[in-house]
Amino acid sequence: MREEYMIERQGKRFVLYAGLLEEAHSRGLRSIETELLQVPAKENGEVAIVKAMIRTEEGKFGGIGDASPQNVNRAIAPHLIRMAETRAKARALRDAINVGVTAFEELGGEEEVVVSSGTQERNGQQPKAQNEEGRGELPATRKQLNYLEALISDVVEDGIGRFEEMVGKPVGELTREEASEWIGRLSGRAA
């Protein structure tokens, strides 16, 4: 697995879905099929469940993924079915290409590290001077930037350079709100 698709959080390493997909293609990925097993609804706690089946030259590999408002961040909450599908595909891809490291997208409810004025705040807590109204002006988190960069390399033709041209600024200068918006847009295209 290429190092650019590996990230570290709280001393643990994770692989990005985009890296799993690229590696699977390089090893002869033949098909990916998904099936929605459960539509999110009040009666089931708004949990989406998807089954994925990966076919490679080595055989068939399956995975199940779930997503609910309790195990995704706010930016992804409107996209539960797509996140469940991505998680299912990530699990199946990991088995297909023999990657024992959990995919970053499989995580749920992970604490965010927010970089603000040179200090790091944990558990999503912001300095007292910053409240919810000022959230859009805060810089994008490292988690957002890592995920966005992986999506860009997977979805945007000509990669980050083209994306920055479209947006009118470097990826690293996006606000938290802008990064969330682009993650939503691009993850919809990737799904």
N, C-alpha and C. Protein backbone atom coordinates (compact mmCIF):
# COMPACT_ATOMS: atom_id res chain seq x y z
N MET A 1 0.85 -1.17 0.00
CA MET A 1 0.00 0.00 0.00
C MET A 1 0.90 1.23 0.00
N ARG A 2 0.62 2.16 -0.92
CA ARG A 2 1.42 3.37 -0.99
C ARG A 2 1.23 4.21 0.27
N GLU A 3 2.31 4.79 0.74
CA GLU A 3 2.30 5.56 1.99
C GLU A 3 1.33 6.74 1.95
N GLU A 4 1.10 7.32 0.80
CA GLU A 4 0.20 8.46 0.70
C GLU A 4 -1.24 8.09 1.07
N TYR A 5 -1.55 6.80 1.05
CA TYR A 5 -2.89 6.35 1.41
C TYR A 5 -2.97 5.85 2.86
N MET A 6 -1.92 6.06 3.62
CA MET A 6 -1.90 5.67 5.02
C MET A 6 -1.94 6.93 5.88
N ILE A 7 -2.75 6.91 6.94
CA ILE A 7 -2.77 8.02 7.87
C ILE A 7 -2.67 7.48 9.28
N GLU A 8 -2.26 8.34 10.20
CA GLU A 8 -2.12 7.93 11.59
C GLU A 8 -3.02 8.78 12.45
N ARG A 9 -3.73 8.15 13.36
CA ARG A 9 -4.60 8.82 14.32
C ARG A 9 -4.38 8.18 15.67
N GLN A 10 -4.02 8.99 16.65
CA GLN A 10 -3.83 8.54 18.02
C GLN A 10 -2.93 7.32 18.11
N GLY A 11 -1.83 7.37 17.34
CA GLY A 11 -0.84 6.31 17.38
C GLY A 11 -1.20 5.06 16.59
N LYS A 12 -2.33 5.05 15.90
CA LYS A 12 -2.74 3.90 15.10
C LYS A 12 -2.74 4.28 13.63
N ARG A 13 -2.39 3.33 12.77
CA ARG A 13 -2.38 3.58 11.33
C ARG A 13 -3.66 3.06 10.69
N PHE A 14 -4.15 3.82 9.71
CA PHE A 14 -5.34 3.48 8.96
C PHE A 14 -5.05 3.66 7.48
N VAL A 15 -5.79 2.94 6.66
CA VAL A 15 -5.66 3.07 5.22
C VAL A 15 -6.89 3.82 4.69
N LEU A 16 -6.69 4.62 3.66
CA LEU A 16 -7.81 5.33 3.04
C LEU A 16 -8.47 4.44 1.98
N TYR A 17 -9.77 4.57 1.85
CA TYR A 17 -10.53 3.79 0.87
C TYR A 17 -9.94 3.95 -0.54
N ALA A 18 -9.57 5.17 -0.89
CA ALA A 18 -9.01 5.42 -2.23
C ALA A 18 -7.79 4.55 -2.48
N GLY A 19 -6.98 4.32 -1.48
CA GLY A 19 -5.80 3.47 -1.62
C GLY A 19 -6.17 2.01 -1.81
N LEU A 20 -7.18 1.55 -1.08
CA LEU A 20 -7.65 0.17 -1.24
C LEU A 20 -8.14 -0.06 -2.66
N LEU A 21 -8.91 0.89 -3.15
CA LEU A 21 -9.46 0.77 -4.49
C LEU A 21 -8.36 0.77 -5.55
N GLU A 22 -7.41 1.68 -5.40
CA GLU A 22 -6.31 1.74 -6.37
C GLU A 22 -5.50 0.44 -6.36
N GLU A 23 -5.21 -0.08 -5.19
CA GLU A 23 -4.44 -1.32 -5.08
C GLU A 23 -5.21 -2.49 -5.68
N ALA A 24 -6.52 -2.54 -5.43
CA ALA A 24 -7.34 -3.62 -5.98
C ALA A 24 -7.35 -3.56 -7.51
N HIS A 25 -7.44 -2.36 -8.06
CA HIS A 25 -7.39 -2.23 -9.52
C HIS A 25 -6.05 -2.72 -10.06
N SER A 26 -4.98 -2.40 -9.37
CA SER A 26 -3.65 -2.82 -9.85
C SER A 26 -3.46 -4.33 -9.74
N ARG A 27 -4.28 -4.98 -8.91
CA ARG A 27 -4.19 -6.44 -8.73
C ARG A 27 -5.28 -7.20 -9.48
N GLY A 28 -5.96 -6.55 -10.37
CA GLY A 28 -6.94 -7.26 -11.19
C GLY A 28 -8.35 -7.27 -10.66
N LEU A 29 -8.81 -6.18 -10.08
CA LEU A 29 -10.20 -6.08 -9.64
C LEU A 29 -11.12 -6.30 -10.84
N ARG A 30 -12.08 -7.19 -10.68
CA ARG A 30 -13.01 -7.49 -11.77
C ARG A 30 -14.35 -6.80 -11.60
N SER A 31 -14.85 -6.78 -10.37
CA SER A 31 -16.14 -6.13 -10.15
C SER A 31 -16.36 -5.84 -8.67
N ILE A 32 -17.25 -4.87 -8.45
CA ILE A 32 -17.74 -4.54 -7.10
C ILE A 32 -19.25 -4.46 -7.21
N GLU A 33 -19.93 -5.25 -6.40
CA GLU A 33 -21.39 -5.21 -6.37
C GLU A 33 -21.82 -4.91 -4.94
N THR A 34 -22.84 -4.06 -4.82
CA THR A 34 -23.35 -3.76 -3.48
C THR A 34 -24.85 -4.00 -3.44
N GLU A 35 -25.33 -4.28 -2.24
CA GLU A 35 -26.75 -4.49 -2.03
C GLU A 35 -27.15 -3.80 -0.74
N LEU A 36 -28.17 -2.95 -0.82
CA LEU A 36 -28.69 -2.27 0.36
C LEU A 36 -29.55 -3.26 1.14
N LEU A 37 -29.10 -3.61 2.34
CA LEU A 37 -29.82 -4.57 3.16
C LEU A 37 -30.83 -3.91 4.09
N GLN A 38 -30.53 -2.66 4.51
CA GLN A 38 -31.45 -1.95 5.41
C GLN A 38 -31.43 -0.46 5.10
N VAL A 39 -32.60 0.08 4.83
CA VAL A 39 -32.75 1.52 4.60
C VAL A 39 -32.88 2.19 5.96
N PRO A 40 -32.18 3.30 6.18
CA PRO A 40 -32.30 3.96 7.48
C PRO A 40 -33.71 4.52 7.69
N ALA A 41 -34.27 4.24 8.87
CA ALA A 41 -35.61 4.71 9.23
C ALA A 41 -35.68 4.85 10.74
N LYS A 42 -36.69 5.58 11.22
CA LYS A 42 -36.86 5.76 12.67
C LYS A 42 -36.91 4.42 13.40
N GLU A 43 -37.62 3.47 12.80
CA GLU A 43 -37.83 2.16 13.43
C GLU A 43 -36.54 1.39 13.66
N ASN A 44 -35.50 1.66 12.87
CA ASN A 44 -34.24 0.92 13.04
C ASN A 44 -33.09 1.81 13.50
N GLY A 45 -33.44 2.97 14.08
CA GLY A 45 -32.41 3.86 14.61
C GLY A 45 -31.64 4.60 13.53
N GLU A 46 -32.25 4.72 12.33
CA GLU A 46 -31.60 5.41 11.21
C GLU A 46 -30.29 4.74 10.78
N VAL A 47 -30.26 3.41 10.85
CA VAL A 47 -29.06 2.64 10.48
C VAL A 47 -29.20 2.10 9.06
N ALA A 48 -28.24 2.45 8.23
CA ALA A 48 -28.15 1.90 6.88
C ALA A 48 -27.18 0.72 6.92
N ILE A 49 -27.52 -0.37 6.26
CA ILE A 49 -26.64 -1.53 6.19
C ILE A 49 -26.51 -1.95 4.73
N VAL A 50 -25.27 -2.12 4.29
CA VAL A 50 -24.98 -2.48 2.91
C VAL A 50 -24.03 -3.67 2.88
N LYS A 51 -24.26 -4.56 1.93
CA LYS A 51 -23.39 -5.70 1.70
C LYS A 51 -22.62 -5.44 0.40
N ALA A 52 -21.32 -5.73 0.40
CA ALA A 52 -20.49 -5.57 -0.80
C ALA A 52 -19.87 -6.91 -1.16
N MET A 53 -19.75 -7.14 -2.46
CA MET A 53 -19.09 -8.34 -2.97
C MET A 53 -18.05 -7.87 -3.98
N ILE A 54 -16.80 -8.24 -3.73
CA ILE A 54 -15.67 -7.89 -4.59
C ILE A 54 -15.22 -9.14 -5.32
N ARG A 55 -15.02 -9.04 -6.62
CA ARG A 55 -14.48 -10.16 -7.40
C ARG A 55 -13.13 -9.73 -7.97
N THR A 56 -12.13 -10.57 -7.72
CA THR A 56 -10.79 -10.34 -8.26
C THR A 56 -10.35 -11.61 -8.97
N GLU A 57 -9.15 -11.59 -9.47
CA GLU A 57 -8.58 -12.78 -10.09
C GLU A 57 -8.39 -13.89 -9.06
N GLU A 58 -8.33 -13.52 -7.78
CA GLU A 58 -8.12 -14.49 -6.70
C GLU A 58 -9.40 -15.11 -6.16
N GLY A 59 -10.57 -14.50 -6.48
CA GLY A 59 -11.82 -15.04 -5.98
C GLY A 59 -12.80 -13.96 -5.58
N LYS A 60 -13.78 -14.35 -4.72
CA LYS A 60 -14.82 -13.43 -4.25
C LYS A 60 -14.59 -13.11 -2.78
N PHE A 61 -14.85 -11.84 -2.42
CA PHE A 61 -14.67 -11.38 -1.05
C PHE A 61 -15.83 -10.47 -0.68
N GLY A 62 -16.41 -10.69 0.49
CA GLY A 62 -17.56 -9.91 0.90
C GLY A 62 -17.30 -9.07 2.13
N GLY A 63 -18.16 -8.10 2.34
CA GLY A 63 -18.09 -7.25 3.52
C GLY A 63 -19.42 -6.60 3.79
N ILE A 64 -19.67 -6.30 5.04
CA ILE A 64 -20.89 -5.62 5.47
C ILE A 64 -20.47 -4.28 6.08
N GLY A 65 -21.22 -3.23 5.77
CA GLY A 65 -20.96 -1.92 6.35
C GLY A 65 -22.24 -1.30 6.86
N ASP A 66 -22.13 -0.55 7.93
CA ASP A 66 -23.29 0.15 8.46
C ASP A 66 -22.94 1.62 8.68
N ALA A 67 -23.95 2.45 8.73
CA ALA A 67 -23.76 3.86 9.03
C ALA A 67 -25.04 4.38 9.68
N SER A 68 -24.85 5.19 10.71
CA SER A 68 -25.97 5.80 11.41
C SER A 68 -25.52 7.19 11.88
N PRO A 69 -26.45 8.03 12.29
CA PRO A 69 -26.05 9.34 12.79
C PRO A 69 -25.10 9.24 13.99
N GLN A 70 -25.13 8.11 14.69
CA GLN A 70 -24.26 7.94 15.85
C GLN A 70 -22.83 7.54 15.50
N ASN A 71 -22.59 7.03 14.28
CA ASN A 71 -21.23 6.58 13.96
C ASN A 71 -20.63 7.27 12.73
N VAL A 72 -21.19 8.43 12.37
CA VAL A 72 -20.58 9.26 11.32
C VAL A 72 -20.54 10.69 11.82
N ASN A 73 -19.70 11.52 11.20
CA ASN A 73 -19.70 12.92 11.61
C ASN A 73 -20.85 13.66 10.96
N ARG A 74 -21.09 14.87 11.41
CA ARG A 74 -22.23 15.66 10.94
C ARG A 74 -22.24 15.88 9.44
N ALA A 75 -21.08 16.07 8.83
CA ALA A 75 -21.01 16.32 7.39
C ALA A 75 -21.48 15.11 6.58
N ILE A 76 -21.30 13.92 7.12
CA ILE A 76 -21.65 12.69 6.40
C ILE A 76 -23.06 12.20 6.76
N ALA A 77 -23.64 12.67 7.85
CA ALA A 77 -24.94 12.19 8.32
C ALA A 77 -26.03 12.20 7.25
N PRO A 78 -26.09 13.18 6.35
CA PRO A 78 -27.12 13.11 5.30
C PRO A 78 -26.86 12.04 4.23
N HIS A 79 -25.70 11.38 4.30
CA HIS A 79 -25.30 10.43 3.27
C HIS A 79 -25.07 9.03 3.86
N LEU A 80 -25.97 8.58 4.72
CA LEU A 80 -25.77 7.32 5.45
C LEU A 80 -25.65 6.11 4.53
N ILE A 81 -26.47 6.04 3.50
CA ILE A 81 -26.43 4.87 2.61
C ILE A 81 -25.09 4.81 1.89
N ARG A 82 -24.63 5.95 1.39
CA ARG A 82 -23.34 5.97 0.69
C ARG A 82 -22.19 5.62 1.62
N MET A 83 -22.25 6.10 2.87
CA MET A 83 -21.18 5.78 3.81
C MET A 83 -21.21 4.30 4.17
N ALA A 84 -22.39 3.73 4.36
CA ALA A 84 -22.50 2.30 4.63
C ALA A 84 -21.93 1.51 3.46
N GLU A 85 -22.21 1.96 2.24
CA GLU A 85 -21.69 1.29 1.05
C GLU A 85 -20.16 1.38 1.00
N THR A 86 -19.63 2.55 1.27
CA THR A 86 -18.17 2.73 1.27
C THR A 86 -17.52 1.83 2.32
N ARG A 87 -18.11 1.77 3.50
CA ARG A 87 -17.58 0.92 4.56
C ARG A 87 -17.62 -0.55 4.17
N ALA A 88 -18.72 -0.99 3.55
CA ALA A 88 -18.83 -2.39 3.12
C ALA A 88 -17.77 -2.70 2.06
N LYS A 89 -17.62 -1.80 1.10
CA LYS A 89 -16.63 -2.02 0.05
C LYS A 89 -15.22 -2.01 0.63
N ALA A 90 -14.96 -1.12 1.58
CA ALA A 90 -13.64 -1.07 2.21
C ALA A 90 -13.31 -2.39 2.90
N ARG A 91 -14.26 -2.95 3.62
CA ARG A 91 -14.03 -4.23 4.32
C ARG A 91 -13.75 -5.35 3.32
N ALA A 92 -14.54 -5.40 2.25
CA ALA A 92 -14.34 -6.44 1.24
C ALA A 92 -13.01 -6.24 0.51
N LEU A 93 -12.68 -5.00 0.19
CA LEU A 93 -11.40 -4.72 -0.48
C LEU A 93 -10.22 -5.10 0.40
N ARG A 94 -10.32 -4.82 1.69
CA ARG A 94 -9.22 -5.17 2.60
C ARG A 94 -8.97 -6.68 2.58
N ASP A 95 -10.04 -7.47 2.59
CA ASP A 95 -9.87 -8.92 2.51
C ASP A 95 -9.31 -9.34 1.16
N ALA A 96 -9.81 -8.72 0.10
CA ALA A 96 -9.39 -9.10 -1.25
C ALA A 96 -7.90 -8.85 -1.49
N ILE A 97 -7.35 -7.79 -0.92
CA ILE A 97 -5.94 -7.48 -1.17
C ILE A 97 -5.07 -7.71 0.06
N ASN A 98 -5.64 -8.36 1.07
CA ASN A 98 -4.90 -8.76 2.26
C ASN A 98 -4.30 -7.58 3.02
N VAL A 99 -5.15 -6.61 3.35
CA VAL A 99 -4.74 -5.47 4.16
C VAL A 99 -5.40 -5.62 5.52
N GLY A 100 -4.60 -5.78 6.55
CA GLY A 100 -5.13 -5.98 7.89
C GLY A 100 -5.40 -4.71 8.65
N VAL A 101 -5.07 -3.57 8.09
CA VAL A 101 -5.26 -2.27 8.73
C VAL A 101 -6.67 -1.77 8.43
N THR A 102 -7.37 -1.30 9.43
CA THR A 102 -8.72 -0.79 9.25
C THR A 102 -8.72 0.43 8.32
N ALA A 103 -9.74 0.53 7.51
CA ALA A 103 -9.89 1.70 6.63
C ALA A 103 -10.39 2.87 7.47
N PHE A 104 -9.85 4.03 7.19
CA PHE A 104 -10.23 5.25 7.90
C PHE A 104 -11.74 5.47 7.83
N GLU A 105 -12.34 5.19 6.68
CA GLU A 105 -13.77 5.41 6.49
C GLU A 105 -14.63 4.46 7.32
N GLU A 106 -14.04 3.37 7.81
CA GLU A 106 -14.79 2.42 8.64
C GLU A 106 -14.98 2.93 10.07
N LEU A 107 -14.19 3.92 10.45
CA LEU A 107 -14.25 4.41 11.82
C LEU A 107 -15.55 5.15 12.07
N GLY A 108 -15.99 5.13 13.29
CA GLY A 108 -17.19 5.87 13.65
C GLY A 108 -17.00 6.54 14.99
N GLY A 109 -17.46 7.78 15.09
CA GLY A 109 -17.39 8.49 16.35
C GLY A 109 -15.99 8.79 16.81
N GLU A 110 -15.04 8.83 15.89
CA GLU A 110 -13.65 9.09 16.24
C GLU A 110 -13.49 10.52 16.71
N GLU A 111 -12.67 10.74 17.72
CA GLU A 111 -12.42 12.10 18.15
C GLU A 111 -11.62 12.83 17.07
N GLU A 112 -11.93 14.09 16.91
CA GLU A 112 -11.27 14.91 15.91
C GLU A 112 -10.17 15.70 16.57
N VAL A 113 -9.10 15.91 15.85
CA VAL A 113 -8.05 16.82 16.30
C VAL A 113 -8.20 18.09 15.49
N VAL A 114 -8.46 19.18 16.18
CA VAL A 114 -8.68 20.45 15.52
C VAL A 114 -7.45 21.32 15.74
N VAL A 115 -6.88 21.84 14.66
CA VAL A 115 -5.73 22.73 14.79
C VAL A 115 -6.27 24.14 14.73
N SER A 116 -5.98 24.91 15.77
CA SER A 116 -6.49 26.27 15.85
C SER A 116 -5.47 27.14 16.56
N SER A 117 -5.02 28.18 15.90
CA SER A 117 -4.05 29.12 16.47
C SER A 117 -2.83 28.42 17.05
N GLY A 118 -2.37 27.39 16.36
CA GLY A 118 -1.16 26.70 16.79
C GLY A 118 -1.35 25.73 17.93
N THR A 119 -2.58 25.55 18.43
CA THR A 119 -2.82 24.60 19.52
C THR A 119 -3.75 23.51 19.02
N GLN A 120 -3.68 22.35 19.62
CA GLN A 120 -4.57 21.26 19.25
C GLN A 120 -5.61 21.07 20.33
N GLU A 121 -6.84 20.96 19.91
CA GLU A 121 -7.94 20.74 20.83
C GLU A 121 -8.49 19.35 20.55
N ARG A 122 -8.79 18.57 21.58
CA ARG A 122 -9.29 17.21 21.37
C ARG A 122 -10.77 17.11 21.70
N ASN A 123 -11.36 16.02 21.27
CA ASN A 123 -12.78 15.71 21.50
C ASN A 123 -13.71 16.75 20.90
N GLY A 124 -13.27 17.41 19.82
CA GLY A 124 -14.13 18.38 19.16
C GLY A 124 -14.33 19.66 19.95
N GLN A 125 -13.64 19.81 21.10
CA GLN A 125 -13.80 21.02 21.90
C GLN A 125 -13.00 22.15 21.28
N GLN A 126 -13.65 23.31 21.20
CA GLN A 126 -12.99 24.48 20.64
C GLN A 126 -12.60 25.41 21.77
N PRO A 127 -11.62 26.28 21.55
CA PRO A 127 -11.31 27.28 22.56
C PRO A 127 -12.56 28.09 22.88
N LYS A 128 -12.68 28.58 24.11
CA LYS A 128 -13.88 29.28 24.54
C LYS A 128 -14.23 30.47 23.66
N ALA A 129 -13.24 31.12 23.07
CA ALA A 129 -13.50 32.30 22.23
C ALA A 129 -14.19 31.93 20.92
N GLN A 130 -14.18 30.65 20.57
CA GLN A 130 -14.80 30.24 19.32
C GLN A 130 -16.05 29.45 19.61
N ASN A 131 -17.16 29.88 19.03
CA ASN A 131 -18.40 29.16 19.25
C ASN A 131 -18.92 28.60 17.94
N GLU A 132 -20.08 27.97 17.97
CA GLU A 132 -20.64 27.32 16.79
C GLU A 132 -20.83 28.29 15.63
N GLU A 133 -21.19 29.55 15.93
CA GLU A 133 -21.41 30.51 14.85
C GLU A 133 -20.15 30.77 14.05
N GLY A 134 -18.97 30.72 14.66
CA GLY A 134 -17.72 31.00 13.98
C GLY A 134 -17.09 29.78 13.33
N ARG A 135 -17.79 28.65 13.37
CA ARG A 135 -17.24 27.39 12.86
C ARG A 135 -16.80 27.45 11.41
N GLY A 136 -17.56 28.14 10.57
CA GLY A 136 -17.25 28.21 9.16
C GLY A 136 -15.93 28.89 8.86
N GLU A 137 -15.45 29.70 9.78
CA GLU A 137 -14.20 30.42 9.55
C GLU A 137 -12.99 29.66 10.09
N LEU A 138 -13.21 28.61 10.86
CA LEU A 138 -12.09 27.81 11.37
C LEU A 138 -11.43 27.07 10.23
N PRO A 139 -10.12 26.85 10.29
CA PRO A 139 -9.47 26.08 9.22
C PRO A 139 -9.94 24.63 9.24
N ALA A 140 -9.92 24.01 8.06
CA ALA A 140 -10.30 22.60 7.95
C ALA A 140 -9.40 21.76 8.86
N THR A 141 -9.97 20.70 9.41
CA THR A 141 -9.18 19.81 10.27
C THR A 141 -8.28 18.94 9.40
N ARG A 142 -7.25 18.38 10.01
CA ARG A 142 -6.34 17.48 9.27
C ARG A 142 -7.12 16.27 8.77
N LYS A 143 -8.07 15.79 9.56
CA LYS A 143 -8.91 14.66 9.15
C LYS A 143 -9.68 15.00 7.87
N GLN A 144 -10.28 16.21 7.84
CA GLN A 144 -11.00 16.63 6.65
C GLN A 144 -10.07 16.71 5.45
N LEU A 145 -8.89 17.32 5.64
CA LEU A 145 -7.95 17.50 4.54
C LEU A 145 -7.45 16.17 4.00
N ASN A 146 -7.14 15.22 4.88
CA ASN A 146 -6.69 13.90 4.42
C ASN A 146 -7.76 13.21 3.59
N TYR A 147 -8.99 13.25 4.09
CA TYR A 147 -10.08 12.59 3.39
C TYR A 147 -10.37 13.29 2.08
N LEU A 148 -10.37 14.62 2.10
CA LEU A 148 -10.63 15.40 0.89
C LEU A 148 -9.56 15.14 -0.17
N GLU A 149 -8.30 15.11 0.24
CA GLU A 149 -7.22 14.84 -0.72
C GLU A 149 -7.36 13.46 -1.35
N ALA A 150 -7.79 12.48 -0.56
CA ALA A 150 -8.00 11.13 -1.11
C ALA A 150 -9.16 11.14 -2.11
N LEU A 151 -10.24 11.84 -1.76
CA LEU A 151 -11.37 11.94 -2.68
C LEU A 151 -10.98 12.64 -3.97
N ILE A 152 -10.22 13.72 -3.84
CA ILE A 152 -9.80 14.48 -5.02
C ILE A 152 -8.99 13.59 -5.95
N SER A 153 -8.05 12.84 -5.40
CA SER A 153 -7.22 11.99 -6.25
C SER A 153 -8.05 10.89 -6.91
N ASP A 154 -9.15 10.50 -6.28
CA ASP A 154 -10.00 9.45 -6.81
C ASP A 154 -11.03 9.96 -7.82
N VAL A 155 -11.49 11.21 -7.66
CA VAL A 155 -12.63 11.70 -8.41
C VAL A 155 -12.30 12.81 -9.40
N VAL A 156 -11.39 13.71 -9.04
CA VAL A 156 -11.14 14.89 -9.87
C VAL A 156 -10.06 14.59 -10.90
N GLU A 157 -10.42 14.76 -12.18
CA GLU A 157 -9.45 14.57 -13.25
C GLU A 157 -8.35 15.62 -13.09
N ASP A 158 -7.11 15.22 -13.21
CA ASP A 158 -5.93 16.06 -13.03
C ASP A 158 -5.67 16.43 -11.57
N GLY A 159 -6.38 15.80 -10.64
CA GLY A 159 -6.07 15.85 -9.22
C GLY A 159 -6.17 17.19 -8.52
N ILE A 160 -5.29 17.34 -7.52
CA ILE A 160 -5.35 18.49 -6.61
C ILE A 160 -5.16 19.81 -7.34
N GLY A 161 -4.25 19.84 -8.33
CA GLY A 161 -4.04 21.08 -9.07
C GLY A 161 -5.32 21.59 -9.70
N ARG A 162 -6.06 20.69 -10.33
CA ARG A 162 -7.32 21.06 -10.98
C ARG A 162 -8.35 21.48 -9.94
N PHE A 163 -8.41 20.76 -8.82
CA PHE A 163 -9.35 21.09 -7.76
C PHE A 163 -9.08 22.50 -7.23
N GLU A 164 -7.81 22.80 -6.94
CA GLU A 164 -7.46 24.11 -6.41
C GLU A 164 -7.79 25.21 -7.41
N GLU A 165 -7.66 24.91 -8.68
CA GLU A 165 -8.02 25.86 -9.73
C GLU A 165 -9.53 26.13 -9.69
N MET A 166 -10.33 25.06 -9.53
CA MET A 166 -11.79 25.20 -9.47
C MET A 166 -12.22 26.00 -8.23
N VAL A 167 -11.59 25.71 -7.10
CA VAL A 167 -11.99 26.32 -5.83
C VAL A 167 -11.41 27.73 -5.68
N GLY A 168 -10.26 27.97 -6.31
CA GLY A 168 -9.65 29.29 -6.24
C GLY A 168 -8.71 29.49 -5.07
N LYS A 169 -8.32 28.40 -4.42
CA LYS A 169 -7.34 28.48 -3.33
C LYS A 169 -6.77 27.10 -3.06
N PRO A 170 -5.60 27.06 -2.37
CA PRO A 170 -5.01 25.76 -2.04
C PRO A 170 -5.92 24.96 -1.08
N VAL A 171 -5.87 23.66 -1.20
CA VAL A 171 -6.67 22.78 -0.34
C VAL A 171 -6.42 23.10 1.14
N GLY A 172 -5.17 23.34 1.51
CA GLY A 172 -4.81 23.62 2.90
C GLY A 172 -5.40 24.90 3.46
N GLU A 173 -5.95 25.76 2.61
CA GLU A 173 -6.54 27.01 3.07
C GLU A 173 -8.06 26.96 3.18
N LEU A 174 -8.65 25.79 2.94
CA LEU A 174 -10.10 25.67 3.05
C LEU A 174 -10.54 25.82 4.51
N THR A 175 -11.72 26.39 4.70
CA THR A 175 -12.29 26.43 6.04
C THR A 175 -12.94 25.08 6.33
N ARG A 176 -13.31 24.88 7.55
CA ARG A 176 -13.95 23.63 7.94
C ARG A 176 -15.26 23.44 7.17
N GLU A 177 -16.02 24.53 7.04
CA GLU A 177 -17.29 24.47 6.33
C GLU A 177 -17.08 24.15 4.85
N GLU A 178 -16.11 24.81 4.22
CA GLU A 178 -15.83 24.55 2.80
C GLU A 178 -15.38 23.11 2.59
N ALA A 179 -14.51 22.62 3.47
CA ALA A 179 -14.03 21.24 3.35
C ALA A 179 -15.19 20.26 3.47
N SER A 180 -16.10 20.50 4.42
CA SER A 180 -17.26 19.62 4.59
C SER A 180 -18.12 19.62 3.34
N GLU A 181 -18.33 20.80 2.77
CA GLU A 181 -19.14 20.90 1.56
C GLU A 181 -18.51 20.11 0.42
N TRP A 182 -17.20 20.25 0.22
CA TRP A 182 -16.52 19.54 -0.87
C TRP A 182 -16.46 18.04 -0.62
N ILE A 183 -16.31 17.64 0.63
CA ILE A 183 -16.32 16.20 0.95
C ILE A 183 -17.67 15.61 0.57
N GLY A 184 -18.75 16.32 0.91
CA GLY A 184 -20.09 15.85 0.55
C GLY A 184 -20.28 15.74 -0.95
N ARG A 185 -19.83 16.77 -1.67
CA ARG A 185 -19.97 16.76 -3.14
C ARG A 185 -19.17 15.62 -3.77
N LEU A 186 -17.89 15.51 -3.37
CA LEU A 186 -17.02 14.52 -4.01
C LEU A 186 -17.33 13.10 -3.58
N SER A 187 -17.76 12.91 -2.32
CA SER A 187 -18.08 11.54 -1.90
C SER A 187 -19.34 11.06 -2.61
N GLY A 188 -20.22 11.98 -3.00
CA GLY A 188 -21.38 11.61 -3.80
C GLY A 188 -20.99 11.13 -5.18
N ARG A 189 -19.94 11.73 -5.75
CA ARG A 189 -19.46 11.32 -7.06
C ARG A 189 -18.72 10.00 -6.98
N ALA A 190 -18.04 9.77 -5.83
CA ALA A 190 -17.22 8.55 -5.70
C ALA A 190 -18.08 7.32 -5.43
N ALA A 191 -19.25 7.52 -4.85
CA ALA A 191 -20.09 6.39 -4.44
C ALA A 191 -20.70 5.67 -5.60
